[in-house]
Structure formats: C-alpha cells, structure tokens
Amino acid sequence: MRWVTGILLVLLVWLQYPLWLGPGNWRQVWHLRGQLAQQNALDGRLAVRNEAMRAEVQDLKQGLAAVEERARMELGMVRKDEVYFQILEGPPVTTGGQEQVGQAK
C-alpha cells in the first residue's frame, strides 16, 4: 500500500510541476494579465486621442472656418481689412493725493 501512495504522490508532483514552476506557470500568467491591462488602458487613451484628431482633420477638410480659426489662434494672423488691438492687463494705476472711488470719509 505504501508503494501505491508513493507512486500517486510522485504522479501528483509531476502533474503539478508545470503549473507552479514550468513554462507558462501561474506567476507568468499573472504578470502577463497585468501587462495586458496596462496596454488596454493605453489603447483606450490613444483611441480617444485618435478620434479627436480625426474630427479635427475632418473639420480642416470640410471648410475654411477651422483653417481661419487655427491661423488666428496659433499664428496671430489677421485679414487685410482688420485692425488688431491687444489689451494688456497690468497693475491698477493709483494717484497719490486723490481719494479712491467707494471709500467713505
């Protein structure tokens, strides 16, 4: 009876070896699942970016409004009959001896 138990034990170890220590073991599968999840997340972000770029290309192909907007915003271009005004925000100007509006005496 002992030799049957010994044979069954050896058979069990022989069958379990690939699962725990052989090629394609559970640790490698776990690691590959983590890499797959990271790649799927990256693919999702890139798909969103690609869709936005596809929409922008479609806008540029269909009309001049998108081209004009890009020229104005990125290149600072204006039309021939337009005048460009730039208003700079700065610190408020105060005068030395005058009262400011809204202050009580």
Protein backbone atom coordinates (compact mmCIF):
# COMPACT_ATOMS: atom_id res chain seq x y z
CA MET A 1 0.00 0.00 0.00
CA ARG A 2 2.92 2.34 0.65
CA TRP A 3 4.26 1.99 -2.87
CA VAL A 4 0.81 2.98 -4.29
CA THR A 5 0.80 6.10 -2.11
CA GLY A 6 4.36 6.88 -3.19
CA ILE A 7 3.50 6.45 -6.89
CA LEU A 8 0.41 8.65 -6.53
CA LEU A 9 2.46 11.31 -4.71
CA VAL A 10 5.14 11.29 -7.43
CA LEU A 11 2.42 11.46 -10.09
CA LEU A 12 0.79 14.41 -8.31
CA VAL A 13 4.12 16.29 -8.10
CA TRP A 14 4.86 15.50 -11.75
CA LEU A 15 1.45 16.86 -12.84
CA GLN A 16 1.70 19.98 -10.65
CA TYR A 17 5.24 20.95 -11.73
CA PRO A 18 4.22 22.75 -14.98
CA LEU A 19 1.53 24.70 -13.14
CA TRP A 20 3.87 26.06 -10.47
CA LEU A 21 7.37 26.05 -11.94
CA GLY A 22 7.25 25.22 -15.64
CA PRO A 23 6.89 27.48 -18.67
CA GLY A 24 3.60 29.36 -18.65
CA ASN A 25 3.24 28.99 -14.88
CA TRP A 26 0.73 30.93 -12.82
CA ARG A 27 3.19 33.74 -11.98
CA GLN A 28 3.88 34.42 -15.65
CA VAL A 29 0.16 34.41 -16.43
CA TRP A 30 -0.48 36.85 -13.60
CA HIS A 31 2.30 39.14 -14.85
CA LEU A 32 1.02 38.99 -18.43
CA ARG A 33 -2.52 39.86 -17.29
CA GLY A 34 -1.15 42.98 -15.61
CA GLN A 35 0.70 43.96 -18.78
CA LEU A 36 -2.45 43.35 -20.81
CA ALA A 37 -4.48 45.63 -18.53
CA GLN A 38 -1.86 48.39 -18.89
CA GLN A 39 -1.82 48.01 -22.67
CA ASN A 40 -5.63 48.12 -22.83
CA ALA A 41 -5.65 51.35 -20.81
CA LEU A 42 -3.05 52.88 -23.13
CA ASP A 43 -5.02 51.75 -26.18
CA GLY A 44 -8.14 53.42 -24.80
CA ARG A 45 -6.35 56.75 -24.29
CA LEU A 46 -4.84 56.57 -27.77
CA ALA A 47 -8.22 55.74 -29.31
CA VAL A 48 -9.73 58.87 -27.73
CA ARG A 49 -6.79 60.97 -28.99
CA ASN A 50 -7.09 59.48 -32.48
CA GLU A 51 -10.81 60.23 -32.59
CA ALA A 52 -10.17 63.86 -31.62
CA MET A 53 -7.51 64.15 -34.34
CA ARG A 54 -9.83 62.52 -36.88
CA ALA A 55 -12.53 65.09 -36.06
CA GLU A 56 -10.03 67.94 -36.39
CA VAL A 57 -8.83 66.67 -39.78
CA GLN A 58 -12.44 66.38 -40.92
CA ASP A 59 -13.08 70.00 -39.86
CA LEU A 60 -10.00 71.18 -41.74
CA LYS A 61 -11.03 69.30 -44.87
CA GLN A 62 -14.65 70.49 -44.90
CA GLY A 63 -14.42 74.23 -44.50
CA LEU A 64 -12.29 77.29 -44.19
CA ALA A 65 -13.65 78.29 -40.78
CA ALA A 66 -11.40 75.82 -38.99
CA VAL A 67 -8.37 76.86 -41.05
CA GLU A 68 -9.08 80.52 -40.33
CA GLU A 69 -9.51 79.88 -36.61
CA ARG A 70 -6.23 77.99 -36.45
CA ALA A 71 -4.42 80.76 -38.37
CA ARG A 72 -5.79 83.38 -35.99
CA MET A 73 -5.11 81.50 -32.75
CA GLU A 74 -1.78 79.82 -33.47
CA LEU A 75 -0.16 82.17 -35.98
CA GLY A 76 -1.70 85.50 -34.96
CA MET A 77 -2.89 86.26 -38.48
CA VAL A 78 -5.49 88.91 -39.33
CA ARG A 79 -7.33 89.79 -42.53
CA LYS A 80 -6.34 92.71 -44.74
CA ASP A 81 -9.28 94.89 -43.71
CA GLU A 82 -8.99 94.21 -39.95
CA VAL A 83 -7.19 96.19 -37.26
CA TYR A 84 -5.59 94.25 -34.42
CA PHE A 85 -5.82 95.61 -30.88
CA GLN A 86 -4.06 93.97 -27.95
CA ILE A 87 -5.17 94.95 -24.46
CA LEU A 88 -2.61 94.22 -21.79
CA GLU A 89 -3.71 93.61 -18.23
CA GLY A 90 -1.49 95.36 -15.71
CA PRO A 91 -1.49 96.56 -12.12
CA PRO A 92 -4.12 99.23 -11.35
CA VAL A 93 -2.89 102.80 -11.64
CA THR A 94 -3.31 104.85 -8.46
CA THR A 95 -2.81 108.56 -7.95
CA GLY A 96 -1.06 109.83 -4.85
CA GLY A 97 -3.34 112.52 -3.32
CA GLN A 98 -6.82 111.71 -4.65
CA GLU A 99 -9.41 109.63 -2.89
CA GLN A 100 -10.38 106.37 -4.45
CA VAL A 101 -13.95 105.85 -5.50
CA GLY A 102 -16.05 103.96 -2.99
CA GLN A 103 -14.20 104.92 0.17
CA ALA A 104 -16.08 106.61 2.99
CA LYS A 105 -14.73 109.67 4.82
